[in-house]
Full PDB file with SEQRES, HELIX, SHEET, SSBOND, CRYST1, ORIGX, SCALE, CONECT and MASTER records, all heavy atoms in Angstrom:
SEQRES   1 A   35  ASN THR LEU LEU VAL SER GLU PRO GLY GLY ILE ASP VAL          
SEQRES   2 A   35  ARG ARG GLY PHE TRP GLU SER VAL ILE ASP ASP ARG GLY          
SEQRES   3 A   35  LEU ASP ILE PRO PRO ASP LEU LEU GLN                          
HELIX    1 AA1 GLY A   10  ARG A   25  1                                  16    
HELIX    2 AA2 PRO A   31  LEU A   34  1                                   4    
CRYST1    1.000    1.000    1.000  90.00  90.00  90.00 P 1           1          
ORIGX1      1.000000  0.000000  0.000000        0.00000                         
ORIGX2      0.000000  1.000000  0.000000        0.00000                         
ORIGX3      0.000000  0.000000  1.000000        0.00000                         
SCALE1      1.000000  0.000000  0.000000        0.00000                         
SCALE2      0.000000  1.000000  0.000000        0.00000                         
SCALE3      0.000000  0.000000  1.000000        0.00000                         
ATOM      1  N   ASN A   1       5.871   5.726 -20.334  1.00  0.00           N  
ATOM      2  CA  ASN A   1       5.893   7.064 -20.909  1.00  0.00           C  
ATOM      3  C   ASN A   1       6.210   7.063 -22.409  1.00  0.00           C  
ATOM      4  O   ASN A   1       6.514   8.102 -22.993  1.00  0.00           O  
ATOM      5  CB  ASN A   1       6.876   7.967 -20.180  1.00  0.00           C  
ATOM      6  CG  ASN A   1       6.477   8.187 -18.741  1.00  0.00           C  
ATOM      7  OD1 ASN A   1       5.295   8.255 -18.424  1.00  0.00           O  
ATOM      8  ND2 ASN A   1       7.463   8.270 -17.871  1.00  0.00           N  
ATOM      9  N   THR A   2       6.093   5.876 -23.011  1.00  0.00           N  
ATOM     10  CA  THR A   2       6.206   5.772 -24.452  1.00  0.00           C  
ATOM     11  C   THR A   2       4.947   5.060 -25.016  1.00  0.00           C  
ATOM     12  O   THR A   2       4.294   5.556 -25.940  1.00  0.00           O  
ATOM     13  CB  THR A   2       7.448   4.991 -24.877  1.00  0.00           C  
ATOM     14  OG1 THR A   2       8.611   5.659 -24.389  1.00  0.00           O  
ATOM     15  CG2 THR A   2       7.543   4.852 -26.394  1.00  0.00           C  
ATOM     16  N   LEU A   3       4.591   3.916 -24.425  1.00  0.00           N  
ATOM     17  CA  LEU A   3       3.355   3.254 -24.791  1.00  0.00           C  
ATOM     18  C   LEU A   3       2.314   3.317 -23.687  1.00  0.00           C  
ATOM     19  O   LEU A   3       1.121   3.493 -23.958  1.00  0.00           O  
ATOM     20  CB  LEU A   3       3.645   1.772 -25.101  1.00  0.00           C  
ATOM     21  CG  LEU A   3       4.566   1.489 -26.291  1.00  0.00           C  
ATOM     22  CD1 LEU A   3       4.759  -0.018 -26.460  1.00  0.00           C  
ATOM     23  CD2 LEU A   3       4.018   2.101 -27.587  1.00  0.00           C  
ATOM     24  N   LEU A   4       2.748   3.180 -22.442  1.00  0.00           N  
ATOM     25  CA  LEU A   4       1.835   3.229 -21.286  1.00  0.00           C  
ATOM     26  C   LEU A   4       2.299   4.292 -20.306  1.00  0.00           C  
ATOM     27  O   LEU A   4       3.472   4.624 -20.268  1.00  0.00           O  
ATOM     28  CB  LEU A   4       1.767   1.873 -20.579  1.00  0.00           C  
ATOM     29  CG  LEU A   4       1.251   0.681 -21.363  1.00  0.00           C  
ATOM     30  CD1 LEU A   4       1.251  -0.574 -20.504  1.00  0.00           C  
ATOM     31  CD2 LEU A   4      -0.140   0.931 -21.928  1.00  0.00           C  
ATOM     32  N   VAL A   5       1.366   4.775 -19.510  1.00  0.00           N  
ATOM     33  CA  VAL A   5       1.691   5.697 -18.410  1.00  0.00           C  
ATOM     34  C   VAL A   5       1.164   5.126 -17.106  1.00  0.00           C  
ATOM     35  O   VAL A   5       0.074   4.522 -17.074  1.00  0.00           O  
ATOM     36  CB  VAL A   5       1.129   7.106 -18.643  1.00  0.00           C  
ATOM     37  CG1 VAL A   5       1.829   7.800 -19.778  1.00  0.00           C  
ATOM     38  CG2 VAL A   5      -0.373   7.036 -18.918  1.00  0.00           C  
ATOM     39  N   SER A   6       1.926   5.274 -16.043  1.00  0.00           N  
ATOM     40  CA  SER A   6       1.492   4.841 -14.723  1.00  0.00           C  
ATOM     41  C   SER A   6       0.966   6.066 -13.963  1.00  0.00           C  
ATOM     42  O   SER A   6       1.703   7.031 -13.764  1.00  0.00           O  
ATOM     43  CB  SER A   6       2.662   4.223 -13.973  1.00  0.00           C  
ATOM     44  OG  SER A   6       2.285   3.829 -12.659  1.00  0.00           O  
ATOM     45  N   GLU A   7      -0.301   6.011 -13.631  1.00  0.00           N  
ATOM     46  CA  GLU A   7      -0.888   7.137 -12.918  1.00  0.00           C  
ATOM     47  C   GLU A   7      -0.435   7.171 -11.458  1.00  0.00           C  
ATOM     48  O   GLU A   7      -0.086   6.130 -10.897  1.00  0.00           O  
ATOM     49  CB  GLU A   7      -2.420   7.044 -12.976  1.00  0.00           C  
ATOM     50  CG  GLU A   7      -2.992   6.964 -14.387  1.00  0.00           C  
ATOM     51  CD  GLU A   7      -2.813   8.258 -15.165  1.00  0.00           C  
ATOM     52  OE1 GLU A   7      -2.571   9.288 -14.520  1.00  0.00           O  
ATOM     53  OE2 GLU A   7      -2.871   8.229 -16.409  1.00  0.00           O  
ATOM     54  N   PRO A   8      -0.427   8.331 -10.819  1.00  0.00           N  
ATOM     55  CA  PRO A   8      -0.067   8.409  -9.388  1.00  0.00           C  
ATOM     56  C   PRO A   8      -1.014   7.554  -8.552  1.00  0.00           C  
ATOM     57  O   PRO A   8      -2.133   7.300  -8.944  1.00  0.00           O  
ATOM     58  CB  PRO A   8      -0.250   9.914  -9.074  1.00  0.00           C  
ATOM     59  CG  PRO A   8      -0.124  10.610 -10.405  1.00  0.00           C  
ATOM     60  CD  PRO A   8      -0.708   9.663 -11.398  1.00  0.00           C  
ATOM     61  N   GLY A   9      -0.524   7.146  -7.404  1.00  0.00           N  
ATOM     62  CA  GLY A   9      -1.355   6.381  -6.495  1.00  0.00           C  
ATOM     63  C   GLY A   9      -0.894   4.979  -6.226  1.00  0.00           C  
ATOM     64  O   GLY A   9      -1.576   4.234  -5.506  1.00  0.00           O  
ATOM     65  N   GLY A  10       0.255   4.592  -6.767  1.00  0.00           N  
ATOM     66  CA  GLY A  10       0.755   3.244  -6.544  1.00  0.00           C  
ATOM     67  C   GLY A  10       1.021   2.943  -5.071  1.00  0.00           C  
ATOM     68  O   GLY A  10       0.729   1.847  -4.590  1.00  0.00           O  
ATOM     69  N   ILE A  11       1.518   3.919  -4.350  1.00  0.00           N  
ATOM     70  CA  ILE A  11       1.763   3.716  -2.909  1.00  0.00           C  
ATOM     71  C   ILE A  11       0.449   3.466  -2.182  1.00  0.00           C  
ATOM     72  O   ILE A  11       0.349   2.611  -1.311  1.00  0.00           O  
ATOM     73  CB  ILE A  11       2.514   4.908  -2.314  1.00  0.00           C  
ATOM     74  CG1 ILE A  11       3.968   4.899  -2.810  1.00  0.00           C  
ATOM     75  CG2 ILE A  11       2.485   4.874  -0.792  1.00  0.00           C  
ATOM     76  CD1 ILE A  11       4.800   6.099  -2.349  1.00  0.00           C  
ATOM     77  N   ASP A  12      -0.572   4.208  -2.547  1.00  0.00           N  
ATOM     78  CA  ASP A  12      -1.901   4.050  -1.905  1.00  0.00           C  
ATOM     79  C   ASP A  12      -2.450   2.654  -2.169  1.00  0.00           C  
ATOM     80  O   ASP A  12      -3.039   2.023  -1.271  1.00  0.00           O  
ATOM     81  CB  ASP A  12      -2.860   5.091  -2.388  1.00  0.00           C  
ATOM     82  CG  ASP A  12      -2.496   6.496  -1.940  1.00  0.00           C  
ATOM     83  OD1 ASP A  12      -1.764   6.612  -0.929  1.00  0.00           O  
ATOM     84  OD2 ASP A  12      -2.909   7.462  -2.598  1.00  0.00           O  
ATOM     85  N   VAL A  13      -2.308   2.170  -3.396  1.00  0.00           N  
ATOM     86  CA  VAL A  13      -2.802   0.852  -3.731  1.00  0.00           C  
ATOM     87  C   VAL A  13      -2.092  -0.223  -2.900  1.00  0.00           C  
ATOM     88  O   VAL A  13      -2.724  -1.101  -2.300  1.00  0.00           O  
ATOM     89  CB  VAL A  13      -2.614   0.544  -5.251  1.00  0.00           C  
ATOM     90  CG1 VAL A  13      -2.942  -0.917  -5.558  1.00  0.00           C  
ATOM     91  CG2 VAL A  13      -3.496   1.486  -6.079  1.00  0.00           C  
ATOM     92  N   ARG A  14      -0.778  -0.151  -2.854  1.00  0.00           N  
ATOM     93  CA  ARG A  14      -0.021  -1.141  -2.085  1.00  0.00           C  
ATOM     94  C   ARG A  14      -0.289  -1.029  -0.587  1.00  0.00           C  
ATOM     95  O   ARG A  14      -0.324  -2.034   0.122  1.00  0.00           O  
ATOM     96  CB  ARG A  14       1.469  -1.002  -2.413  1.00  0.00           C  
ATOM     97  CG  ARG A  14       1.793  -1.413  -3.848  1.00  0.00           C  
ATOM     98  CD  ARG A  14       3.283  -1.433  -4.111  1.00  0.00           C  
ATOM     99  NE  ARG A  14       3.548  -2.137  -5.360  1.00  0.00           N  
ATOM    100  CZ  ARG A  14       3.981  -1.557  -6.496  1.00  0.00           C  
ATOM    101  NH1 ARG A  14       4.148  -0.257  -6.518  1.00  0.00           N  
ATOM    102  NH2 ARG A  14       4.194  -2.274  -7.583  1.00  0.00           N  
ATOM    103  N   ARG A  15      -0.487   0.188  -0.114  1.00  0.00           N  
ATOM    104  CA  ARG A  15      -0.818   0.336   1.310  1.00  0.00           C  
ATOM    105  C   ARG A  15      -2.135  -0.344   1.626  1.00  0.00           C  
ATOM    106  O   ARG A  15      -2.265  -1.019   2.673  1.00  0.00           O  
ATOM    107  CB  ARG A  15      -0.893   1.830   1.677  1.00  0.00           C  
ATOM    108  CG  ARG A  15      -1.130   2.031   3.191  1.00  0.00           C  
ATOM    109  CD  ARG A  15      -1.142   3.501   3.566  1.00  0.00           C  
ATOM    110  NE  ARG A  15      -2.238   4.196   2.921  1.00  0.00           N  
ATOM    111  CZ  ARG A  15      -2.072   5.308   2.205  1.00  0.00           C  
ATOM    112  NH1 ARG A  15      -0.855   5.839   2.045  1.00  0.00           N  
ATOM    113  NH2 ARG A  15      -3.111   5.884   1.645  1.00  0.00           N  
ATOM    114  N   GLY A  16      -3.124  -0.214   0.742  1.00  0.00           N  
ATOM    115  CA  GLY A  16      -4.399  -0.861   0.988  1.00  0.00           C  
ATOM    116  C   GLY A  16      -4.285  -2.368   1.102  1.00  0.00           C  
ATOM    117  O   GLY A  16      -4.888  -3.000   1.963  1.00  0.00           O  
ATOM    118  N   PHE A  17      -3.501  -2.978   0.197  1.00  0.00           N  
ATOM    119  CA  PHE A  17      -3.287  -4.404   0.227  1.00  0.00           C  
ATOM    120  C   PHE A  17      -2.560  -4.831   1.486  1.00  0.00           C  
ATOM    121  O   PHE A  17      -2.891  -5.862   2.100  1.00  0.00           O  
ATOM    122  CB  PHE A  17      -2.506  -4.854  -1.015  1.00  0.00           C  
ATOM    123  CG  PHE A  17      -3.386  -5.108  -2.216  1.00  0.00           C  
ATOM    124  CD1 PHE A  17      -3.829  -4.061  -2.985  1.00  0.00           C  
ATOM    125  CD2 PHE A  17      -3.746  -6.401  -2.570  1.00  0.00           C  
ATOM    126  CE1 PHE A  17      -4.634  -4.283  -4.099  1.00  0.00           C  
ATOM    127  CE2 PHE A  17      -4.537  -6.651  -3.692  1.00  0.00           C  
ATOM    128  CZ  PHE A  17      -4.996  -5.576  -4.446  1.00  0.00           C  
ATOM    129  N   TRP A  18      -1.554  -4.061   1.897  1.00  0.00           N  
ATOM    130  CA  TRP A  18      -0.817  -4.415   3.103  1.00  0.00           C  
ATOM    131  C   TRP A  18      -1.631  -4.161   4.361  1.00  0.00           C  
ATOM    132  O   TRP A  18      -1.513  -4.900   5.337  1.00  0.00           O  
ATOM    133  CB  TRP A  18       0.509  -3.645   3.137  1.00  0.00           C  
ATOM    134  CG  TRP A  18       1.607  -4.436   2.491  1.00  0.00           C  
ATOM    135  CD1 TRP A  18       1.482  -5.591   1.796  1.00  0.00           C  
ATOM    136  CD2 TRP A  18       3.005  -4.098   2.468  1.00  0.00           C  
ATOM    137  NE1 TRP A  18       2.706  -6.003   1.336  1.00  0.00           N  
ATOM    138  CE2 TRP A  18       3.628  -5.108   1.723  1.00  0.00           C  
ATOM    139  CE3 TRP A  18       3.736  -3.040   2.957  1.00  0.00           C  
ATOM    140  CZ2 TRP A  18       5.021  -5.099   1.500  1.00  0.00           C  
ATOM    141  CZ3 TRP A  18       5.113  -3.020   2.754  1.00  0.00           C  
ATOM    142  CH2 TRP A  18       5.753  -4.043   2.015  1.00  0.00           C  
ATOM    143  N   GLU A  19      -2.453  -3.142   4.363  1.00  0.00           N  
ATOM    144  CA  GLU A  19      -3.310  -2.896   5.534  1.00  0.00           C  
ATOM    145  C   GLU A  19      -4.255  -4.047   5.768  1.00  0.00           C  
ATOM    146  O   GLU A  19      -4.559  -4.401   6.937  1.00  0.00           O  
ATOM    147  CB  GLU A  19      -4.090  -1.582   5.349  1.00  0.00           C  
ATOM    148  CG  GLU A  19      -3.231  -0.345   5.560  1.00  0.00           C  
ATOM    149  CD  GLU A  19      -3.984   0.936   5.242  1.00  0.00           C  
ATOM    150  OE1 GLU A  19      -5.025   0.873   4.528  1.00  0.00           O  
ATOM    151  OE2 GLU A  19      -3.555   1.999   5.705  1.00  0.00           O  
ATOM    152  N   SER A  20      -4.729  -4.688   4.708  1.00  0.00           N  
ATOM    153  CA  SER A  20      -5.604  -5.852   4.875  1.00  0.00           C  
ATOM    154  C   SER A  20      -4.869  -6.979   5.543  1.00  0.00           C  
ATOM    155  O   SER A  20      -5.413  -7.654   6.422  1.00  0.00           O  
ATOM    156  CB  SER A  20      -6.138  -6.303   3.502  1.00  0.00           C  
ATOM    157  OG  SER A  20      -6.967  -5.318   2.932  1.00  0.00           O  
ATOM    158  N   VAL A  21      -3.611  -7.219   5.146  1.00  0.00           N  
ATOM    159  CA  VAL A  21      -2.826  -8.268   5.781  1.00  0.00           C  
ATOM    160  C   VAL A  21      -2.547  -7.939   7.234  1.00  0.00           C  
ATOM    161  O   VAL A  21      -2.665  -8.787   8.123  1.00  0.00           O  
ATOM    162  CB  VAL A  21      -1.504  -8.476   5.019  1.00  0.00           C  
ATOM    163  CG1 VAL A  21      -0.585  -9.457   5.750  1.00  0.00           C  
ATOM    164  CG2 VAL A  21      -1.761  -8.948   3.596  1.00  0.00           C  
ATOM    165  N   ILE A  22      -2.195  -6.671   7.493  1.00  0.00           N  
ATOM    166  CA  ILE A  22      -1.878  -6.257   8.871  1.00  0.00           C  
ATOM    167  C   ILE A  22      -3.100  -6.431   9.764  1.00  0.00           C  
ATOM    168  O   ILE A  22      -2.995  -6.920  10.882  1.00  0.00           O  
ATOM    169  CB  ILE A  22      -1.422  -4.779   8.861  1.00  0.00           C  
ATOM    170  CG1 ILE A  22      -0.060  -4.682   8.189  1.00  0.00           C  
ATOM    171  CG2 ILE A  22      -1.397  -4.214  10.271  1.00  0.00           C  
ATOM    172  CD1 ILE A  22       0.377  -3.263   7.872  1.00  0.00           C  
ATOM    173  N   ASP A  23      -4.272  -6.063   9.275  1.00  0.00           N  
ATOM    174  CA  ASP A  23      -5.512  -6.220  10.038  1.00  0.00           C  
ATOM    175  C   ASP A  23      -5.857  -7.675  10.248  1.00  0.00           C  
ATOM    176  O   ASP A  23      -6.194  -8.123  11.368  1.00  0.00           O  
ATOM    177  CB  ASP A  23      -6.677  -5.496   9.389  1.00  0.00           C  
ATOM    178  CG  ASP A  23      -6.505  -3.987   9.394  1.00  0.00           C  
ATOM    179  OD1 ASP A  23      -5.678  -3.483  10.197  1.00  0.00           O  
ATOM    180  OD2 ASP A  23      -7.164  -3.298   8.593  1.00  0.00           O  
ATOM    181  N   ASP A  24      -5.794  -8.469   9.180  1.00  0.00           N  
ATOM    182  CA  ASP A  24      -6.169  -9.878   9.266  1.00  0.00           C  
ATOM    183  C   ASP A  24      -5.258 -10.654  10.215  1.00  0.00           C  
ATOM    184  O   ASP A  24      -5.718 -11.565  10.911  1.00  0.00           O  
ATOM    185  CB  ASP A  24      -6.126 -10.521   7.873  1.00  0.00           C  
ATOM    186  CG  ASP A  24      -7.219 -10.029   6.958  1.00  0.00           C  
ATOM    187  OD1 ASP A  24      -8.177  -9.426   7.481  1.00  0.00           O  
ATOM    188  OD2 ASP A  24      -7.128 -10.255   5.740  1.00  0.00           O  
ATOM    189  N   ARG A  25      -3.992 -10.323  10.244  1.00  0.00           N  
ATOM    190  CA  ARG A  25      -3.026 -11.067  11.033  1.00  0.00           C  
ATOM    191  C   ARG A  25      -2.699 -10.388  12.375  1.00  0.00           C  
ATOM    192  O   ARG A  25      -1.915 -10.930  13.178  1.00  0.00           O  
ATOM    193  CB  ARG A  25      -1.739 -11.277  10.237  1.00  0.00           C  
ATOM    194  CG  ARG A  25      -1.961 -12.001   8.898  1.00  0.00           C  
ATOM    195  CD  ARG A  25      -0.681 -12.265   8.157  1.00  0.00           C  
ATOM    196  NE  ARG A  25       0.087 -13.331   8.816  1.00  0.00           N  
ATOM    197  CZ  ARG A  25      -0.085 -14.637   8.577  1.00  0.00           C  
ATOM    198  NH1 ARG A  25      -1.012 -15.024   7.709  1.00  0.00           N  
ATOM    199  NH2 ARG A  25       0.640 -15.514   9.213  1.00  0.00           N  
ATOM    200  N   GLY A  26      -3.323  -9.234  12.610  1.00  0.00           N  
ATOM    201  CA  GLY A  26      -3.097  -8.541  13.885  1.00  0.00           C  
ATOM    202  C   GLY A  26      -1.678  -8.099  14.102  1.00  0.00           C  
ATOM    203  O   GLY A  26      -1.145  -8.195  15.217  1.00  0.00           O  
ATOM    204  N   LEU A  27      -1.039  -7.623  13.054  1.00  0.00           N  
ATOM    205  CA  LEU A  27       0.387  -7.259  13.144  1.00  0.00           C  
ATOM    206  C   LEU A  27       0.547  -5.864  13.778  1.00  0.00           C  
ATOM    207  O   LEU A  27      -0.277  -4.981  13.581  1.00  0.00           O  
ATOM    208  CB  LEU A  27       1.003  -7.244  11.737  1.00  0.00           C  
ATOM    209  CG  LEU A  27       0.940  -8.570  10.984  1.00  0.00           C  
ATOM    210  CD1 LEU A  27       1.587  -8.413   9.617  1.00  0.00           C  
ATOM    211  CD2 LEU A  27       1.611  -9.685  11.769  1.00  0.00           C  
ATOM    212  N   ASP A  28       1.630  -5.708  14.516  1.00  0.00           N  
ATOM    213  CA  ASP A  28       1.943  -4.460  15.189  1.00  0.00           C  
ATOM    214  C   ASP A  28       2.787  -3.583  14.253  1.00  0.00           C  
ATOM    215  O   ASP A  28       4.003  -3.396  14.483  1.00  0.00           O  
ATOM    216  CB  ASP A  28       2.672  -4.735  16.505  1.00  0.00           C  
ATOM    217  CG  ASP A  28       3.055  -3.443  17.233  1.00  0.00           C  
ATOM    218  OD1 ASP A  28       2.373  -2.419  17.008  1.00  0.00           O  
ATOM    219  OD2 ASP A  28       4.033  -3.459  18.010  1.00  0.00           O  
ATOM    220  N   ILE A  29       2.167  -3.084  13.193  1.00  0.00           N  
ATOM    221  CA  ILE A  29       2.862  -2.196  12.261  1.00  0.00           C  
ATOM    222  C   ILE A  29       2.058  -0.913  12.217  1.00  0.00           C  
ATOM    223  O   ILE A  29       0.978  -0.846  11.569  1.00  0.00           O  
ATOM    224  CB  ILE A  29       2.969  -2.818  10.872  1.00  0.00           C  
ATOM    225  CG1 ILE A  29       3.766  -4.134  10.917  1.00  0.00           C  
ATOM    226  CG2 ILE A  29       3.621  -1.842   9.897  1.00  0.00           C  
ATOM    227  CD1 ILE A  29       3.880  -4.840   9.594  1.00  0.00           C  
ATOM    228  N   PRO A  30       2.501   0.127  12.905  1.00  0.00           N  
ATOM    229  CA  PRO A  30       1.753   1.382  12.946  1.00  0.00           C  
ATOM    230  C   PRO A  30       1.700   2.062  11.591  1.00  0.00           C  
ATOM    231  O   PRO A  30       2.573   1.849  10.726  1.00  0.00           O  
ATOM    232  CB  PRO A  30       2.500   2.232  13.973  1.00  0.00           C  
ATOM    233  CG  PRO A  30       3.869   1.645  14.012  1.00  0.00           C  
ATOM    234  CD  PRO A  30       3.728   0.196  13.720  1.00  0.00           C  
ATOM    235  N   PRO A  31       0.679   2.884  11.346  1.00  0.00           N  
ATOM    236  CA  PRO A  31       0.524   3.540  10.031  1.00  0.00           C  
ATOM    237  C   PRO A  31       1.734   4.341   9.578  1.00  0.00           C  
ATOM    238  O   PRO A  31       2.063   4.353   8.401  1.00  0.00           O  
ATOM    239  CB  PRO A  31      -0.696   4.450  10.235  1.00  0.00           C  
ATOM    240  CG  PRO A  31      -1.489   3.772  11.313  1.00  0.00           C  
ATOM    241  CD  PRO A  31      -0.448   3.170  12.239  1.00  0.00           C  
ATOM    242  N   ASP A  32       2.413   5.037  10.523  1.00  0.00           N  
ATOM    243  CA  ASP A  32       3.541   5.849  10.110  1.00  0.00           C  
ATOM    244  C   ASP A  32       4.713   4.987   9.627  1.00  0.00           C  
ATOM    245  O   ASP A  32       5.430   5.354   8.692  1.00  0.00           O  
ATOM    246  CB  ASP A  32       3.977   6.787  11.226  1.00  0.00           C  
ATOM    247  CG  ASP A  32       4.360   6.055  12.501  1.00  0.00           C  
ATOM    248  OD1 ASP A  32       3.962   4.893  12.690  1.00  0.00           O  
ATOM    249  OD2 ASP A  32       5.036   6.682  13.361  1.00  0.00           O  
ATOM    250  N   LEU A  33       4.930   3.836  10.279  1.00  0.00           N  
ATOM    251  CA  LEU A  33       5.974   2.933   9.825  1.00  0.00           C  
ATOM    252  C   LEU A  33       5.616   2.341   8.468  1.00  0.00           C  
ATOM    253  O   LEU A  33       6.489   2.270   7.563  1.00  0.00           O  
ATOM    254  CB  LEU A  33       6.175   1.813  10.848  1.00  0.00           C  
ATOM    255  CG  LEU A  33       7.158   0.685  10.453  1.00  0.00           C  
ATOM    256  CD1 LEU A  33       8.554   1.264  10.177  1.00  0.00           C  
ATOM    257  CD2 LEU A  33       7.212  -0.399  11.516  1.00  0.00           C  
ATOM    258  N   LEU A  34       4.371   1.946   8.296  1.00  0.00           N  
ATOM    259  CA  LEU A  34       3.928   1.391   7.038  1.00  0.00           C  
ATOM    260  C   LEU A  34       4.139   2.392   5.890  1.00  0.00           C  
ATOM    261  O   LEU A  34       4.682   2.048   4.849  1.00  0.00           O  
ATOM    262  CB  LEU A  34       2.454   1.002   7.120  1.00  0.00           C  
ATOM    263  CG  LEU A  34       1.819   0.448   5.835  1.00  0.00           C  
ATOM    264  CD1 LEU A  34       2.481  -0.835   5.417  1.00  0.00           C  
ATOM    265  CD2 LEU A  34       0.333   0.237   6.061  1.00  0.00           C  
ATOM    266  N   GLN A  35       3.737   3.637   6.144  1.00  0.00           N  
ATOM    267  CA  GLN A  35       3.876   4.638   5.091  1.00  0.00           C  
ATOM    268  C   GLN A  35       5.331   4.920   4.765  1.00  0.00           C  
ATOM    269  O   GLN A  35       5.701   5.057   3.590  1.00  0.00           O  
ATOM    270  CB  GLN A  35       3.189   5.939   5.545  1.00  0.00           C  
ATOM    271  CG  GLN A  35       3.188   7.050   4.502  1.00  0.00           C  
ATOM    272  CD  GLN A  35       2.296   6.718   3.296  1.00  0.00           C  
ATOM    273  OE1 GLN A  35       1.430   5.852   3.369  1.00  0.00           O  
ATOM    274  NE2 GLN A  35       2.532   7.402   2.188  1.00  0.00           N  
TER     275      GLN A  35                                                      
MASTER        0    0    0    2    0    0    0    6  274    1    0    3          
END                                                                             
């Protein structure tokens, strides 16, 4: 907020990366727990 700004959506980005791991490894982590 002085030189750079972080736009909203960081949680969505990280969720996408973690969902790939969860799917690839067949983990029992439901969406509500992940969120």
